[in-house]
N, C-alpha and C. Protein backbone atom coordinates (compact mmCIF):
# COMPACT_ATOMS: atom_id res chain seq x y z
N ALA A 1 0.86 -1.46 0.08
CA ALA A 1 -0.35 -0.04 -0.11
C ALA A 1 0.96 1.19 0.00
N GLY A 2 2.43 0.93 0.81
CA GLY A 2 2.83 2.46 1.02
C GLY A 2 3.73 2.59 -0.58
N ARG A 3 3.78 1.78 -1.35
CA ARG A 3 4.73 1.47 -2.36
C ARG A 3 3.44 2.20 -3.78
N SER A 4 2.24 2.20 -3.72
CA SER A 4 1.37 2.57 -4.29
C SER A 4 0.93 3.80 -4.39
N ALA A 5 0.65 4.18 -2.93
CA ALA A 5 0.78 5.64 -2.30
C ALA A 5 1.64 6.35 -3.11
N SER A 6 2.99 5.74 -2.96
CA SER A 6 3.73 6.73 -3.08
C SER A 6 4.44 6.66 -4.64
N GLY A 7 3.76 5.59 -5.73
CA GLY A 7 3.34 5.79 -6.78
C GLY A 7 2.62 7.05 -7.21
N ILE A 8 1.61 6.99 -6.59
CA ILE A 8 0.72 8.06 -6.92
C ILE A 8 1.06 9.83 -6.72
N TYR A 9 1.96 9.81 -5.36
CA TYR A 9 2.79 10.89 -5.33
C TYR A 9 3.64 11.34 -6.11
N ALA A 10 4.45 10.21 -6.44
CA ALA A 10 5.47 10.57 -7.82
C ALA A 10 4.95 11.18 -9.10
N ILE A 11 3.72 10.70 -9.56
CA ILE A 11 2.89 11.01 -10.60
C ILE A 11 2.41 12.56 -10.61
N ALA A 12 1.97 12.79 -9.34
CA ALA A 12 1.70 14.24 -8.85
C ALA A 12 2.68 14.86 -9.15
N ALA A 13 3.76 15.07 -8.49
CA ALA A 13 5.17 15.54 -8.40
C ALA A 13 5.40 15.63 -9.87
N SER A 14 5.45 14.64 -10.64
CA SER A 14 5.98 14.71 -11.98
C SER A 14 5.49 16.20 -12.25
N GLY A 15 3.99 15.80 -12.62
CA GLY A 15 3.23 17.11 -13.07
C GLY A 15 3.59 18.51 -12.70
N LEU A 16 4.03 18.77 -11.34
CA LEU A 16 4.77 19.65 -10.83
C LEU A 16 6.08 20.38 -11.24
N VAL A 17 6.65 19.06 -11.52
CA VAL A 17 7.69 19.48 -12.11
C VAL A 17 7.75 19.84 -13.15
N VAL A 18 7.44 18.92 -14.10
CA VAL A 18 7.21 19.15 -15.62
C VAL A 18 6.69 20.70 -15.77
N THR A 19 5.52 21.11 -14.76
CA THR A 19 4.98 22.55 -14.92
C THR A 19 6.01 23.37 -15.12
N TYR A 20 7.12 23.34 -13.74
CA TYR A 20 7.71 24.11 -13.32
C TYR A 20 8.64 24.53 -14.04
N THR A 21 9.46 22.82 -14.76
CA THR A 21 10.86 22.82 -15.55
C THR A 21 10.37 23.84 -16.72
N THR A 22 9.08 23.92 -17.39
CA THR A 22 8.85 24.22 -18.89
C THR A 22 8.25 25.91 -18.60
N SER A 23 7.76 25.76 -17.32
CA SER A 23 6.86 27.20 -17.52
C SER A 23 7.64 28.09 -16.30
N GLY A 24 8.60 27.81 -15.47
CA GLY A 24 8.99 28.98 -14.33
C GLY A 24 7.97 29.28 -13.45
N ILE A 25 6.83 28.68 -13.68
CA ILE A 25 5.46 28.77 -12.62
C ILE A 25 4.98 27.89 -11.53
N PHE A 26 5.22 27.68 -10.33
CA PHE A 26 4.88 26.70 -9.66
C PHE A 26 3.33 26.94 -9.26
N ASN A 27 2.52 26.15 -10.05
CA ASN A 27 1.27 25.83 -10.08
C ASN A 27 0.73 25.29 -8.62
N PHE A 28 0.25 25.98 -7.99
CA PHE A 28 -0.57 25.38 -7.16
C PHE A 28 -1.83 24.72 -7.36
N ALA A 29 -2.50 25.27 -8.44
CA ALA A 29 -3.70 24.73 -9.24
C ALA A 29 -3.42 23.30 -9.27
N HIS A 30 -2.17 22.96 -9.36
CA HIS A 30 -2.11 21.42 -9.88
C HIS A 30 -3.13 20.29 -9.85
N GLY A 31 -2.98 20.16 -8.28
CA GLY A 31 -3.97 19.34 -7.50
C GLY A 31 -5.74 19.47 -7.85
N ALA A 32 -6.11 20.55 -7.90
CA ALA A 32 -7.41 20.59 -8.53
C ALA A 32 -7.61 20.54 -10.00
N PHE A 33 -6.31 20.31 -10.98
CA PHE A 33 -6.54 19.68 -12.36
C PHE A 33 -6.67 18.51 -12.21
N GLY A 34 -5.93 17.50 -11.42
CA GLY A 34 -6.43 16.48 -10.90
C GLY A 34 -7.77 15.93 -10.11
N MET A 35 -8.38 16.86 -9.55
CA MET A 35 -9.64 16.81 -8.84
C MET A 35 -10.83 16.75 -10.04
N LEU A 36 -10.17 18.15 -10.97
CA LEU A 36 -11.50 17.80 -11.94
C LEU A 36 -11.22 16.25 -13.05
N ALA A 37 -10.21 16.47 -13.53
CA ALA A 37 -10.17 15.02 -14.28
C ALA A 37 -10.47 13.83 -13.70
N ALA A 38 -10.37 13.38 -12.09
CA ALA A 38 -11.32 12.39 -11.38
C ALA A 38 -12.77 12.87 -11.69
N PHE A 39 -13.20 13.81 -11.16
CA PHE A 39 -14.96 14.24 -11.25
C PHE A 39 -15.09 13.83 -13.00
N ALA A 40 -14.14 14.47 -14.07
CA ALA A 40 -14.73 14.29 -15.14
C ALA A 40 -14.68 12.60 -15.44
N TYR A 41 -14.04 11.79 -15.37
CA TYR A 41 -13.63 10.31 -14.89
C TYR A 41 -15.09 9.89 -14.61
N TRP A 42 -15.36 10.21 -13.36
CA TRP A 42 -16.40 9.56 -12.57
C TRP A 42 -17.54 9.95 -14.02
N GLN A 43 -18.19 11.42 -14.04
CA GLN A 43 -19.27 11.84 -15.08
C GLN A 43 -18.74 10.68 -16.27
N VAL A 44 -18.10 10.85 -16.74
CA VAL A 44 -18.33 10.13 -18.33
C VAL A 44 -18.38 8.68 -17.71
N ASN A 45 -17.88 7.87 -16.85
CA ASN A 45 -17.98 6.53 -16.50
C ASN A 45 -19.05 6.17 -15.82
N GLN A 46 -19.49 6.88 -14.43
CA GLN A 46 -20.48 6.45 -13.94
C GLN A 46 -22.06 7.28 -14.54
N GLY A 47 -21.51 8.61 -14.30
CA GLY A 47 -22.95 9.21 -14.29
C GLY A 47 -23.37 9.05 -15.97
N TRP A 48 -22.52 9.16 -16.76
CA TRP A 48 -23.26 8.70 -18.28
C TRP A 48 -23.00 7.37 -18.91
N GLY A 49 -22.29 6.64 -17.96
CA GLY A 49 -22.12 4.99 -18.42
C GLY A 49 -21.66 4.27 -19.64
N VAL A 50 -20.38 5.48 -19.65
CA VAL A 50 -19.49 4.73 -20.77
C VAL A 50 -18.51 3.77 -20.39
N PRO A 51 -18.19 2.81 -20.84
CA PRO A 51 -17.37 2.18 -20.23
C PRO A 51 -15.95 2.76 -20.09
N VAL A 52 -15.31 1.74 -19.13
CA VAL A 52 -13.66 2.40 -18.61
C VAL A 52 -13.01 2.53 -19.79
N ILE A 53 -12.36 1.71 -20.28
CA ILE A 53 -11.19 2.12 -21.29
C ILE A 53 -11.74 3.48 -22.68
N PRO A 54 -13.09 3.67 -22.95
CA PRO A 54 -13.17 4.80 -23.68
C PRO A 54 -13.07 6.11 -22.59
N SER A 55 -13.55 5.82 -21.65
CA SER A 55 -13.85 6.82 -20.24
C SER A 55 -12.49 7.64 -20.31
N VAL A 56 -11.73 6.43 -19.74
CA VAL A 56 -10.28 7.06 -19.57
C VAL A 56 -9.21 7.53 -20.62
N ILE A 57 -9.80 7.33 -21.86
CA ILE A 57 -9.32 7.44 -23.18
C ILE A 57 -9.48 9.24 -23.60
N LEU A 58 -10.89 9.31 -23.02
CA LEU A 58 -11.66 10.70 -23.22
C LEU A 58 -10.85 11.41 -22.28
N VAL A 59 -10.94 11.22 -20.83
CA VAL A 59 -10.82 11.68 -19.88
C VAL A 59 -9.06 12.57 -20.26
N VAL A 60 -8.01 11.20 -19.96
CA VAL A 60 -6.63 11.78 -19.91
C VAL A 60 -6.18 11.95 -21.54
N PHE A 61 -6.73 11.45 -22.37
CA PHE A 61 -5.96 11.75 -23.93
C PHE A 61 -6.51 13.44 -24.69
N VAL A 62 -8.13 13.78 -23.86
CA VAL A 62 -8.87 14.86 -25.19
C VAL A 62 -9.45 15.90 -23.88
N MET A 63 -10.45 15.45 -22.85
CA MET A 63 -10.52 16.68 -21.92
C MET A 63 -9.06 17.08 -21.74
N ALA A 64 -8.48 16.73 -20.55
CA ALA A 64 -7.27 17.33 -19.67
C ALA A 64 -6.25 17.57 -20.78
N PRO A 65 -5.73 17.26 -22.16
CA PRO A 65 -5.26 18.40 -22.99
C PRO A 65 -5.64 19.57 -22.98
N LEU A 66 -7.39 19.30 -23.57
CA LEU A 66 -7.49 20.42 -23.81
C LEU A 66 -7.99 21.64 -22.46
N PHE A 67 -8.44 21.20 -21.39
CA PHE A 67 -8.43 21.98 -19.98
C PHE A 67 -7.17 22.63 -19.82
N GLY A 68 -5.73 22.01 -20.33
CA GLY A 68 -4.60 22.52 -19.93
C GLY A 68 -4.01 23.47 -21.04
N ALA A 69 -4.53 23.02 -22.14
CA ALA A 69 -4.49 23.74 -23.08
C ALA A 69 -4.91 25.36 -22.96
N VAL A 70 -6.28 25.32 -22.45
CA VAL A 70 -6.85 26.73 -22.44
C VAL A 70 -6.66 27.75 -20.94
N ILE A 71 -5.90 26.68 -19.87
CA ILE A 71 -5.80 27.29 -19.08
C ILE A 71 -4.22 28.03 -19.47
N GLU A 72 -3.31 27.23 -19.99
CA GLU A 72 -2.01 27.79 -20.43
C GLU A 72 -2.53 28.84 -21.26
N ARG A 73 -2.65 29.05 -22.26
CA ARG A 73 -3.46 30.04 -23.47
C ARG A 73 -3.80 31.28 -22.69
N GLY A 74 -4.90 30.89 -21.96
CA GLY A 74 -5.70 31.93 -21.28
C GLY A 74 -5.13 32.83 -20.15
N ILE A 75 -4.41 31.70 -19.00
CA ILE A 75 -4.27 32.45 -17.92
C ILE A 75 -2.59 32.56 -17.67
N MET A 76 -1.87 31.38 -17.76
CA MET A 76 -0.34 30.93 -17.74
C MET A 76 0.37 32.07 -18.31
N ARG A 77 0.28 32.27 -19.78
CA ARG A 77 0.91 33.01 -20.91
C ARG A 77 0.91 34.54 -20.42
N GLY A 78 -0.09 34.86 -19.47
CA GLY A 78 -0.33 36.16 -19.44
C GLY A 78 0.63 36.40 -18.32
N ILE A 79 1.08 35.43 -17.30
CA ILE A 79 1.69 35.72 -16.15
C ILE A 79 2.91 35.36 -16.26
N GLU A 80 3.45 34.91 -17.38
CA GLU A 80 5.20 34.91 -17.65
C GLU A 80 6.02 36.15 -17.54
N GLY A 81 6.82 36.34 -16.94
CA GLY A 81 7.74 37.21 -16.58
C GLY A 81 7.00 38.36 -15.67
N ALA A 82 5.96 37.90 -14.88
CA ALA A 82 5.44 38.51 -13.45
C ALA A 82 6.22 37.96 -12.55
N SER A 83 5.98 39.05 -11.34
CA SER A 83 6.75 38.83 -9.85
C SER A 83 6.07 37.30 -9.67
N GLU A 84 7.07 36.83 -8.74
CA GLU A 84 6.77 35.41 -8.18
C GLU A 84 5.54 35.98 -7.49
N VAL A 85 4.91 36.93 -6.50
CA VAL A 85 4.14 36.97 -6.09
C VAL A 85 2.68 36.71 -6.88
N VAL A 86 3.06 37.97 -7.89
CA VAL A 86 1.78 37.21 -8.77
C VAL A 86 1.75 36.33 -9.21
N LYS A 87 2.61 35.52 -9.67
CA LYS A 87 2.34 33.90 -10.00
C LYS A 87 1.76 32.81 -9.36
N ILE A 88 2.04 33.38 -7.83
CA ILE A 88 1.68 32.60 -6.64
C ILE A 88 0.09 32.74 -6.82
N VAL A 89 -0.10 34.50 -6.50
CA VAL A 89 -1.62 34.48 -6.09
C VAL A 89 -2.31 34.10 -7.51
N VAL A 90 -2.36 34.34 -8.84
CA VAL A 90 -2.77 33.83 -9.42
C VAL A 90 -3.03 32.19 -9.36
N THR A 91 -2.23 31.32 -9.24
CA THR A 91 -2.09 30.10 -9.26
C THR A 91 -2.89 29.61 -8.28
N VAL A 92 -2.79 30.61 -6.83
CA VAL A 92 -3.61 29.86 -5.89
C VAL A 92 -5.25 30.27 -6.24
N SER A 93 -5.33 31.40 -6.55
CA SER A 93 -6.88 31.69 -7.31
C SER A 93 -7.33 30.98 -8.01
N LEU A 94 -6.55 30.50 -9.14
CA LEU A 94 -7.03 29.54 -10.17
C LEU A 94 -7.55 28.48 -9.36
N MET A 95 -6.73 27.77 -8.09
CA MET A 95 -6.91 26.53 -7.36
C MET A 95 -8.54 26.77 -6.47
N VAL A 96 -8.56 28.10 -6.02
CA VAL A 96 -9.96 27.99 -5.57
C VAL A 96 -11.04 28.43 -6.11
N ALA A 97 -10.77 28.97 -7.53
CA ALA A 97 -12.29 28.81 -8.47
C ALA A 97 -12.23 27.60 -8.78
N LEU A 98 -11.11 26.61 -8.96
CA LEU A 98 -11.95 25.08 -9.67
C LEU A 98 -12.50 24.70 -8.64
N LEU A 99 -11.99 24.42 -7.16
CA LEU A 99 -12.56 23.85 -6.29
C LEU A 99 -14.14 24.53 -6.29
N GLY A 100 -14.51 25.65 -5.81
CA GLY A 100 -15.70 26.56 -6.31
C GLY A 100 -16.55 25.78 -7.38
N ILE A 101 -16.07 25.43 -8.88
CA ILE A 101 -16.67 25.00 -9.55
C ILE A 101 -16.69 23.76 -9.52
N ALA A 102 -16.13 22.89 -9.10
CA ALA A 102 -16.35 21.64 -9.11
C ALA A 102 -17.43 21.07 -8.08
N ASN A 103 -17.31 22.25 -6.92
CA ASN A 103 -18.69 22.08 -5.86
C ASN A 103 -19.68 22.14 -6.44
N VAL A 104 -19.95 23.08 -7.69
CA VAL A 104 -21.27 23.39 -8.31
C VAL A 104 -21.69 22.62 -8.89
N ILE A 105 -20.79 21.89 -10.00
CA ILE A 105 -21.00 20.73 -10.75
C ILE A 105 -21.50 19.73 -10.14
N TRP A 106 -20.45 19.36 -8.85
CA TRP A 106 -20.59 18.02 -8.35
C TRP A 106 -20.55 18.14 -7.19
N PRO A 107 -21.99 18.63 -6.29
CA PRO A 107 -22.02 19.06 -4.84
C PRO A 107 -21.35 17.99 -3.87
N PRO A 108 -20.86 18.23 -2.98
CA PRO A 108 -20.00 17.39 -2.05
C PRO A 108 -20.65 16.58 -1.25
N ASP A 109 -22.16 16.66 -1.25
CA ASP A 109 -22.74 15.87 -0.27
C ASP A 109 -23.56 14.68 -0.78
N VAL A 110 -23.15 14.48 -1.96
CA VAL A 110 -23.45 13.22 -2.87
C VAL A 110 -22.25 12.35 -3.05
N ALA A 111 -22.30 10.87 -2.61
CA ALA A 111 -21.35 10.24 -2.56
C ALA A 111 -21.55 9.70 -4.21
N ARG A 112 -19.89 9.68 -4.73
CA ARG A 112 -19.75 9.32 -5.85
C ARG A 112 -18.47 8.06 -5.92
N PRO A 113 -19.09 6.92 -5.64
CA PRO A 113 -17.78 5.87 -5.24
C PRO A 113 -17.61 5.08 -6.82
N VAL A 114 -16.50 4.75 -7.19
CA VAL A 114 -16.27 5.09 -8.41
C VAL A 114 -15.75 2.93 -8.10
N PRO A 115 -16.06 1.85 -8.68
CA PRO A 115 -15.39 0.39 -8.79
C PRO A 115 -14.14 0.39 -8.67
N PRO A 116 -13.37 -0.34 -8.00
CA PRO A 116 -12.29 -0.43 -8.29
C PRO A 116 -12.08 -1.22 -9.45
N PHE A 117 -10.74 -0.61 -10.28
CA PHE A 117 -10.27 -1.93 -11.18
C PHE A 117 -9.66 -3.14 -10.87
N PHE A 118 -9.77 -4.41 -11.66
CA PHE A 118 -9.44 -5.42 -11.42
C PHE A 118 -10.05 -6.08 -9.41
N ALA A 119 -11.44 -5.59 -9.66
CA ALA A 119 -12.41 -5.54 -8.37
C ALA A 119 -11.82 -7.19 -7.74
N GLY A 120 -10.73 -7.20 -6.74
CA GLY A 120 -10.46 -8.89 -5.68
C GLY A 120 -9.54 -9.51 -6.69
N LYS A 121 -8.76 -9.12 -7.77
CA LYS A 121 -7.76 -9.84 -8.28
C LYS A 121 -6.51 -9.42 -7.68
N THR A 122 -5.57 -10.32 -7.06
CA THR A 122 -4.41 -10.31 -6.55
C THR A 122 -2.99 -11.03 -6.96
N VAL A 123 -2.44 -10.76 -6.79
CA VAL A 123 -1.19 -11.70 -6.95
C VAL A 123 -0.48 -11.49 -5.87
N GLU A 124 0.42 -13.04 -5.43
CA GLU A 124 1.26 -12.90 -4.37
C GLU A 124 2.54 -12.59 -4.65
N ILE A 125 3.06 -12.06 -3.46
CA ILE A 125 4.82 -11.43 -3.87
C ILE A 125 5.34 -11.32 -2.67
N ALA A 126 6.25 -12.49 -2.06
CA ALA A 126 6.62 -12.23 -0.77
C ALA A 126 5.79 -12.69 0.09
N GLY A 127 4.95 -13.67 -0.03
CA GLY A 127 3.56 -14.16 0.95
C GLY A 127 2.89 -12.90 0.76
N VAL A 128 2.86 -12.15 0.24
CA VAL A 128 1.42 -11.05 0.72
C VAL A 128 0.62 -10.66 -0.75
N ALA A 129 -0.56 -10.91 -0.43
CA ALA A 129 -1.45 -10.51 -1.49
C ALA A 129 -1.65 -9.17 -2.01
N VAL A 130 -1.02 -8.63 -3.15
CA VAL A 130 -1.00 -7.36 -3.45
C VAL A 130 -2.28 -7.26 -4.79
N PRO A 131 -2.81 -6.41 -4.77
CA PRO A 131 -3.96 -6.27 -5.74
C PRO A 131 -3.46 -5.79 -6.78
N TYR A 132 -4.02 -5.67 -8.23
CA TYR A 132 -3.28 -5.84 -9.54
C TYR A 132 -3.57 -3.96 -9.39
N SER A 133 -4.73 -3.57 -9.22
CA SER A 133 -4.64 -1.81 -9.05
C SER A 133 -3.24 -1.37 -8.44
N ARG A 134 -2.93 -2.04 -7.18
CA ARG A 134 -1.70 -1.24 -6.65
C ARG A 134 -0.60 -1.54 -7.69
N ILE A 135 -0.25 -2.36 -8.33
CA ILE A 135 0.69 -2.97 -9.27
C ILE A 135 0.82 -2.26 -10.54
N LEU A 136 -0.74 -1.59 -10.78
CA LEU A 136 -0.82 -1.14 -11.75
C LEU A 136 -0.40 0.40 -11.90
N THR A 137 -0.87 1.21 -10.64
CA THR A 137 -0.35 2.03 -9.92
C THR A 137 1.05 2.51 -10.12
N MET A 138 2.03 1.46 -9.40
CA MET A 138 3.23 1.34 -9.46
C MET A 138 4.02 1.52 -10.99
N ALA A 139 3.28 0.71 -11.53
CA ALA A 139 3.96 0.59 -13.43
C ALA A 139 3.75 2.09 -13.70
N ILE A 140 2.81 2.72 -13.71
CA ILE A 140 2.46 3.63 -14.49
C ILE A 140 3.33 5.02 -13.86
N ALA A 141 3.62 4.84 -12.28
CA ALA A 141 4.44 5.94 -12.13
C ALA A 141 5.74 5.54 -12.86
N ILE A 142 6.06 4.53 -12.71
CA ILE A 142 7.37 4.43 -13.41
C ILE A 142 7.74 4.83 -14.69
N ALA A 143 6.55 4.22 -15.54
CA ALA A 143 6.16 4.75 -16.72
C ALA A 143 6.54 5.84 -17.39
N VAL A 144 5.70 6.86 -15.99
CA VAL A 144 5.61 8.42 -16.30
C VAL A 144 7.12 8.60 -15.82
N ALA A 145 7.95 8.24 -15.29
CA ALA A 145 8.81 8.91 -14.50
C ALA A 145 10.20 8.54 -15.78
N VAL A 146 10.12 7.19 -16.62
CA VAL A 146 10.67 7.17 -17.14
C VAL A 146 10.70 7.99 -18.64
N GLY A 147 9.68 8.01 -18.98
CA GLY A 147 9.09 8.65 -20.24
C GLY A 147 9.36 10.11 -20.15
N LEU A 148 9.14 10.42 -18.95
CA LEU A 148 9.42 12.40 -18.97
C LEU A 148 10.70 12.47 -18.55
N ARG A 149 11.40 11.43 -18.26
CA ARG A 149 13.05 11.93 -18.23
C ARG A 149 13.42 11.57 -20.01
N LEU A 150 12.94 10.41 -20.77
CA LEU A 150 13.20 10.48 -21.78
C LEU A 150 13.02 11.34 -22.66
N VAL A 151 12.07 12.01 -22.57
CA VAL A 151 11.42 13.18 -23.62
C VAL A 151 12.19 14.71 -23.12
N LEU A 152 12.13 15.10 -21.41
CA LEU A 152 13.10 16.21 -21.51
C LEU A 152 14.18 16.41 -21.53
N ARG A 153 14.98 15.09 -21.34
CA ARG A 153 16.24 15.09 -21.91
C ARG A 153 17.02 14.59 -23.01
N ARG A 154 16.09 13.47 -24.16
CA ARG A 154 16.61 13.31 -25.00
C ARG A 154 16.01 13.64 -26.46
N THR A 155 14.72 14.53 -26.19
CA THR A 155 14.35 14.81 -27.45
C THR A 155 14.63 16.40 -27.76
N ARG A 156 14.48 16.95 -28.72
CA ARG A 156 14.26 17.99 -29.35
C ARG A 156 13.69 18.94 -28.26
N LEU A 157 12.61 18.71 -28.18
CA LEU A 157 11.06 18.83 -27.58
C LEU A 157 11.65 19.65 -26.41
N GLY A 158 11.86 18.42 -25.80
CA GLY A 158 12.05 18.45 -24.11
C GLY A 158 13.34 19.45 -24.07
N VAL A 159 14.46 19.56 -24.55
CA VAL A 159 15.53 20.65 -24.62
C VAL A 159 14.76 22.07 -24.63
N ALA A 160 13.90 22.20 -25.92
CA ALA A 160 13.79 23.44 -25.93
C ALA A 160 12.33 23.95 -24.91
N MET A 161 11.77 22.86 -24.11
CA MET A 161 11.06 23.26 -23.21
C MET A 161 11.77 23.65 -21.94
N ARG A 162 12.76 22.90 -21.49
CA ARG A 162 13.61 23.51 -20.81
C ARG A 162 14.25 24.72 -20.88
N ALA A 163 14.50 25.12 -21.83
CA ALA A 163 15.44 26.22 -22.71
C ALA A 163 14.18 27.54 -22.54
N ILE A 164 12.85 27.04 -22.92
CA ILE A 164 12.20 28.52 -22.18
C ILE A 164 12.10 29.00 -21.38
N VAL A 165 12.30 28.11 -19.92
CA VAL A 165 12.40 28.89 -18.83
C VAL A 165 14.01 29.49 -18.87
N ASP A 166 14.96 29.11 -19.04
CA ASP A 166 16.58 29.94 -18.99
C ASP A 166 16.13 30.99 -19.77
N ASP A 167 16.07 30.91 -21.07
CA ASP A 167 16.11 31.89 -22.16
C ASP A 167 15.33 32.11 -22.99
N ARG A 168 14.25 32.50 -23.08
CA ARG A 168 13.41 32.56 -24.32
C ARG A 168 13.50 33.26 -25.42
N ALA A 169 14.52 34.18 -25.51
CA ALA A 169 14.73 35.12 -26.45
C ALA A 169 15.58 34.42 -27.16
N LEU A 170 17.01 33.50 -26.59
CA LEU A 170 18.07 33.03 -26.84
C LEU A 170 17.53 31.23 -27.70
N LEU A 171 16.10 31.02 -27.06
CA LEU A 171 15.45 29.97 -27.97
C LEU A 171 15.35 30.15 -29.21
N GLN A 172 14.93 31.33 -29.42
CA GLN A 172 13.60 31.77 -30.51
C GLN A 172 15.17 32.00 -31.64
N LEU A 173 16.51 32.68 -31.20
CA LEU A 173 17.09 33.16 -31.95
C LEU A 173 17.77 31.58 -32.37
N ASN A 174 17.64 30.70 -31.84
CA ASN A 174 18.10 28.89 -32.27
C ASN A 174 17.06 28.16 -32.87
N GLY A 175 16.06 28.85 -33.56
CA GLY A 175 15.35 28.45 -34.34
C GLY A 175 14.10 27.75 -33.46
N GLY A 176 13.84 27.72 -32.17
CA GLY A 176 12.86 27.49 -31.57
C GLY A 176 11.91 28.22 -31.55
N ARG A 177 10.82 27.80 -31.44
CA ARG A 177 9.52 28.25 -31.24
C ARG A 177 8.68 28.27 -29.32
N PRO A 178 8.99 29.57 -28.96
CA PRO A 178 8.59 29.57 -27.91
C PRO A 178 7.14 29.65 -27.05
N GLY A 179 6.24 29.78 -28.17
CA GLY A 179 4.93 29.85 -28.34
C GLY A 179 4.36 28.75 -28.43
N ARG A 180 4.89 27.89 -28.67
CA ARG A 180 4.44 26.33 -29.25
C ARG A 180 5.35 25.24 -27.76
């Protein structure tokens, strides 16, 4: 259970690190983005009855990137170059706004349980029954860490993403497109 929880924390931390590495902004609303994705998954899967795999694909590969793009274009680009205080206030305000919006759309007095993945299926490791869902969590955390490392360190896109924070103008002089 501890390793599974640490996998979840690692995935969340990876998002914060990538955001800060590529934008120079520590996004205090990062957890609220995850909350909205979880509620969106519940809505699509449980509320509208869409099967698990299409629900995951819709939320993770369509809704979340669109939401991120809107926030980045509409808010985060506007605070580039602003003081650290402004960046903190904007991201904390965004977090509070997203929490409020979620409370309006999904009132907190209604339970929204989600059936567990691989319900009741376990594998025995060193004499301990480990649920498949925990193994999946750890595998995803490892895949995310390795994938981010490879993208940020070994691809032109990753180098350009990191270069934006260091010197946007220099990146542009070298043929990079900071807006992209």
